[in-house]
Amino acid sequence: MSEIESSNASTSADKVRLVDLAEDTIGFGETEWHTFRDLLIRPRVALEAYLKAGPTGGGRYKRPLGFYIALCGVLTFYMFLLGGFKGLIEAQPEGLLAPWLERAGSSREAFVNDVDGWMSLLATPILSLFYAGISAPFLIWWSGLDRRKGLRATFVLLNVWTIPIVLLGPLPFLPLFQGYAGLFFQLVFVISFLRVGEGLWFQTWLGGIAKGLLLCVVLLIGAVAGMQPVLYLSLAGASLAG
């Protein structure tokens, strides 16, 4: 074996060990890396693989739903660290909060902090279900795909939307940026829709922008609807914890 071949073999072995270590410690191995990289850099190629070669893209990728759950877990961690729902809680009618506060038997400040913690924990997973459920019918209708492939494509789009947000870390959830976060998330969604959907969900860029903006409105409706169970489950959790 030549010196170059020996060096290449050593590098390959080191790479395998590094991948194995990452997979054993944080559960992020080669398949997760391929999924993350391709959905970020070439999402249309990844979507075509998912549609043509099955839910793992022929064994190259993680299943879209499972990967989306993992990304939402990261966002949940960010929100749990920073909170940020106190303004929404304080804006609720006193008649709504009072019975739960009385049941908790704690001070109002402590109760609001507990509700904020619960909402930070529950918001991302619950809202993600509402996002998928309310956007999937439109995406299936526009694509003409069957329900199974349509749902798969929906979660691919949601992954493409979520990855840039995850890469920013807790930055969008800091109080300084919260006022702009919603607009930024919608802009990222429209860009993600345009990157993924040409020829599938739309044929022209003008049509793509129009449909992307329509989906933003749909997602906002889903967020408003989804925040109701988030709020009530959080109130219940805080009252029981108290």
Protein backbone atom coordinates (compact mmCIF):
# COMPACT_ATOMS: atom_id res chain seq x y z
CA MET A 1 0.00 0.00 0.00
CA SER A 2 1.37 3.41 -0.97
CA GLU A 3 1.82 6.22 1.51
CA ILE A 4 -1.12 8.14 -0.02
CA GLU A 5 -3.41 5.09 0.16
CA SER A 6 -2.37 4.49 3.75
CA SER A 7 -3.12 8.12 4.63
CA ASN A 8 -6.55 7.91 2.96
CA ALA A 9 -7.36 4.69 4.80
CA SER A 10 -6.35 6.28 8.11
CA THR A 11 -8.50 9.37 7.40
CA SER A 12 -11.47 7.17 6.50
CA ALA A 13 -11.07 5.15 9.70
CA ASP A 14 -10.89 8.34 11.76
CA LYS A 15 -14.06 9.59 10.07
CA VAL A 16 -15.88 6.35 10.84
CA ARG A 17 -14.82 6.55 14.49
CA LEU A 18 -15.94 10.17 14.72
CA VAL A 19 -19.32 9.37 13.16
CA ASP A 20 -19.78 6.39 15.49
CA LEU A 21 -18.87 8.53 18.51
CA ALA A 22 -21.35 11.25 17.50
CA GLU A 23 -24.10 8.69 16.95
CA ASP A 24 -23.44 6.99 20.30
CA THR A 25 -23.26 10.21 22.32
CA ILE A 26 -25.81 12.60 20.78
CA GLY A 27 -27.67 10.36 18.34
CA PHE A 28 -26.50 12.42 15.36
CA GLY A 29 -24.77 10.14 12.88
CA GLU A 30 -24.08 10.01 9.17
CA THR A 31 -27.73 9.61 8.16
CA GLU A 32 -28.76 12.60 10.26
CA TRP A 33 -25.89 14.63 8.82
CA HIS A 34 -26.90 13.79 5.23
CA THR A 35 -30.49 14.74 6.02
CA PHE A 36 -29.56 18.02 7.67
CA ARG A 37 -27.06 19.01 4.97
CA ASP A 38 -29.20 18.17 1.96
CA LEU A 39 -32.36 19.76 3.34
CA LEU A 40 -30.35 22.92 3.99
CA ILE A 41 -28.29 23.07 0.79
CA ARG A 42 -30.26 21.16 -1.86
CA PRO A 43 -33.77 20.59 -0.50
CA ARG A 44 -35.34 19.90 -3.88
CA VAL A 45 -32.97 16.99 -4.50
CA ALA A 46 -33.82 15.60 -1.07
CA LEU A 47 -37.56 15.97 -1.68
CA GLU A 48 -37.33 14.13 -4.99
CA ALA A 49 -35.46 11.30 -3.28
CA TYR A 50 -38.14 11.11 -0.59
CA LEU A 51 -40.91 10.96 -3.20
CA LYS A 52 -39.22 8.53 -5.57
CA ALA A 53 -37.28 6.25 -3.21
CA GLY A 54 -39.54 6.07 -0.16
CA PRO A 55 -39.67 7.61 3.33
CA THR A 56 -35.90 7.27 3.85
CA GLY A 57 -34.91 8.42 0.37
CA GLY A 58 -33.55 4.99 -0.44
CA GLY A 59 -31.81 4.68 2.93
CA ARG A 60 -29.92 7.96 2.67
CA TYR A 61 -32.09 10.11 4.93
CA LYS A 62 -34.03 10.06 8.18
CA ARG A 63 -37.79 9.84 7.91
CA PRO A 64 -39.19 13.37 7.55
CA LEU A 65 -41.57 13.14 10.51
CA GLY A 66 -38.91 11.74 12.85
CA PHE A 67 -36.41 14.38 11.78
CA TYR A 68 -39.01 17.11 12.26
CA ILE A 69 -39.70 15.88 15.78
CA ALA A 70 -35.96 16.06 16.52
CA LEU A 71 -35.74 19.63 15.20
CA CYS A 72 -38.77 20.63 17.25
CA GLY A 73 -37.06 19.14 20.29
CA VAL A 74 -34.15 21.54 19.77
CA LEU A 75 -36.53 24.51 19.44
CA THR A 76 -38.35 23.38 22.58
CA PHE A 77 -35.02 23.42 24.44
CA TYR A 78 -34.35 26.98 23.27
CA MET A 79 -37.79 28.15 24.37
CA PHE A 80 -37.59 26.35 27.69
CA LEU A 81 -34.32 28.13 28.44
CA LEU A 82 -35.65 31.57 27.56
CA GLY A 83 -39.39 31.48 28.18
CA GLY A 84 -41.11 34.47 26.65
CA PHE A 85 -44.86 33.84 27.08
CA LYS A 86 -45.39 36.05 30.14
CA GLY A 87 -46.86 38.88 28.07
CA LEU A 88 -49.41 36.53 26.56
CA ILE A 89 -50.29 35.09 29.97
CA GLU A 90 -50.70 38.51 31.59
CA ALA A 91 -52.95 39.57 28.70
CA GLN A 92 -55.51 36.89 29.54
CA PRO A 93 -58.73 37.98 31.31
CA GLU A 94 -58.50 37.86 35.08
CA GLY A 95 -61.57 35.65 35.17
CA LEU A 96 -59.66 33.01 33.19
CA LEU A 97 -56.54 33.01 35.36
CA ALA A 98 -58.16 33.35 38.78
CA PRO A 99 -59.59 29.81 39.19
CA TRP A 100 -56.31 28.22 38.12
CA LEU A 101 -54.31 30.54 40.39
CA GLU A 102 -56.54 29.71 43.33
CA ARG A 103 -56.12 26.00 42.66
CA ALA A 104 -52.34 26.38 42.48
CA GLY A 105 -52.22 28.06 45.91
CA SER A 106 -49.11 30.06 45.04
CA SER A 107 -48.34 33.71 44.43
CA ARG A 108 -49.39 35.24 41.13
CA GLU A 109 -45.78 35.80 40.08
CA ALA A 110 -44.81 32.20 40.81
CA PHE A 111 -47.89 30.93 39.01
CA VAL A 112 -47.20 33.03 35.91
CA ASN A 113 -43.60 31.76 35.89
CA ASP A 114 -44.84 28.17 36.10
CA VAL A 115 -47.32 28.70 33.26
CA ASP A 116 -44.57 30.32 31.19
CA GLY A 117 -42.37 27.27 31.74
CA TRP A 118 -45.13 24.88 30.70
CA MET A 119 -45.96 26.91 27.62
CA SER A 120 -42.30 27.00 26.61
CA LEU A 121 -42.26 23.22 26.90
CA LEU A 122 -45.53 22.53 25.09
CA ALA A 123 -45.73 25.25 22.43
CA THR A 124 -43.37 23.83 19.81
CA PRO A 125 -44.62 20.21 19.73
CA ILE A 126 -48.31 21.19 19.79
CA LEU A 127 -47.99 24.01 17.27
CA SER A 128 -45.96 21.77 14.95
CA LEU A 129 -48.91 19.35 14.80
CA PHE A 130 -51.25 22.20 13.94
CA TYR A 131 -48.85 23.48 11.28
CA ALA A 132 -48.66 20.07 9.62
CA GLY A 133 -52.38 19.39 9.90
CA ILE A 134 -53.50 22.71 8.46
CA SER A 135 -50.94 22.99 5.64
CA ALA A 136 -51.00 19.37 4.41
CA PRO A 137 -54.42 19.59 2.67
CA PHE A 138 -53.26 22.57 0.59
CA LEU A 139 -49.95 20.93 -0.33
CA ILE A 140 -51.64 17.65 -1.27
CA TRP A 141 -54.22 19.52 -3.35
CA TRP A 142 -51.62 21.59 -5.20
CA SER A 143 -49.29 18.64 -5.86
CA GLY A 144 -51.83 15.96 -6.77
CA LEU A 145 -49.85 13.46 -4.68
CA ASP A 146 -51.58 10.72 -2.75
CA ARG A 147 -52.07 11.30 0.96
CA ARG A 148 -49.01 9.34 2.05
CA LYS A 149 -46.57 11.10 -0.27
CA GLY A 150 -48.32 14.40 0.31
CA LEU A 151 -47.77 14.16 4.06
CA ARG A 152 -44.16 13.14 3.48
CA ALA A 153 -43.62 16.19 1.28
CA THR A 154 -45.32 18.38 3.91
CA PHE A 155 -42.86 17.33 6.59
CA VAL A 156 -39.95 17.78 4.20
CA LEU A 157 -41.07 21.39 3.71
CA LEU A 158 -41.46 21.90 7.45
CA ASN A 159 -37.94 20.55 7.95
CA VAL A 160 -36.53 22.90 5.32
CA TRP A 161 -38.30 25.76 7.11
CA THR A 162 -37.12 24.75 10.59
CA ILE A 163 -33.43 24.02 9.94
CA PRO A 164 -32.37 27.69 9.44
CA ILE A 165 -34.27 28.64 12.58
CA VAL A 166 -32.47 25.91 14.54
CA LEU A 167 -29.12 27.14 13.22
CA LEU A 168 -29.78 30.60 14.66
CA GLY A 169 -29.95 29.11 18.12
CA PRO A 170 -31.93 30.99 20.80
CA LEU A 171 -31.39 34.35 19.01
CA PRO A 172 -34.97 34.75 17.62
CA PHE A 173 -36.42 34.00 21.06
CA LEU A 174 -34.44 36.69 22.91
CA PRO A 175 -36.63 39.61 24.08
CA LEU A 176 -34.67 42.02 21.87
CA PHE A 177 -35.68 40.15 18.70
CA GLN A 178 -39.07 38.70 19.61
CA GLY A 179 -40.93 41.56 17.94
CA TYR A 180 -39.32 40.68 14.61
CA ALA A 181 -39.22 36.91 15.00
CA GLY A 182 -42.70 36.25 13.58
CA LEU A 183 -42.00 38.24 10.42
CA PHE A 184 -38.63 36.53 10.03
CA PHE A 185 -40.16 33.06 10.43
CA GLN A 186 -42.76 33.85 7.75
CA LEU A 187 -40.07 35.14 5.38
CA VAL A 188 -38.02 31.98 5.90
CA PHE A 189 -41.11 29.88 5.22
CA VAL A 190 -41.86 31.60 1.90
CA ILE A 191 -38.23 31.21 0.82
CA SER A 192 -38.29 27.53 1.84
CA PHE A 193 -41.52 26.99 -0.10
CA LEU A 194 -39.99 28.57 -3.21
CA ARG A 195 -36.81 26.50 -2.90
CA VAL A 196 -38.66 23.21 -2.58
CA GLY A 197 -41.91 23.50 -4.47
CA GLU A 198 -41.28 24.61 -8.06
CA GLY A 199 -42.91 22.14 -10.42
CA LEU A 200 -44.66 20.39 -7.55
CA TRP A 201 -46.75 23.00 -5.74
CA PHE A 202 -46.40 25.85 -8.23
CA GLN A 203 -45.26 26.44 -11.81
CA THR A 204 -44.25 30.11 -11.80
CA TRP A 205 -42.43 32.23 -9.23
CA LEU A 206 -45.37 34.62 -9.00
CA GLY A 207 -47.68 31.70 -8.27
CA GLY A 208 -45.16 30.34 -5.77
CA ILE A 209 -44.97 33.63 -3.88
CA ALA A 210 -48.78 33.90 -3.81
CA LYS A 211 -49.18 30.35 -2.53
CA GLY A 212 -46.34 30.80 -0.03
CA LEU A 213 -48.01 33.91 1.40
CA LEU A 214 -51.35 32.08 1.53
CA LEU A 215 -49.70 29.30 3.51
CA CYS A 216 -48.25 31.89 5.89
CA VAL A 217 -51.80 33.04 6.64
CA VAL A 218 -52.86 29.41 7.06
CA LEU A 219 -49.98 28.79 9.47
CA LEU A 220 -50.91 31.89 11.47
CA ILE A 221 -54.44 30.52 11.80
CA GLY A 222 -52.94 27.22 12.92
CA ALA A 223 -50.78 29.05 15.48
CA VAL A 224 -53.77 30.91 16.92
CA ALA A 225 -55.78 27.68 17.14
CA GLY A 226 -52.83 25.73 18.54
CA MET A 227 -52.12 28.25 21.29
CA GLN A 228 -55.49 27.48 22.90
CA PRO A 229 -54.58 23.92 23.99
CA VAL A 230 -51.06 25.14 24.80
CA LEU A 231 -52.47 27.76 27.17
CA TYR A 232 -55.03 25.54 28.87
CA LEU A 233 -52.67 22.60 29.27
CA SER A 234 -50.09 24.96 30.73
CA LEU A 235 -52.59 26.43 33.17
CA ALA A 236 -53.55 22.94 34.24
CA GLY A 237 -49.92 21.87 34.60
CA ALA A 238 -49.03 24.94 36.66
CA SER A 239 -52.06 24.55 38.93
CA LEU A 240 -51.28 20.89 39.60
CA ALA A 241 -47.60 21.61 40.17
CA GLY A 242 -48.50 24.28 42.69
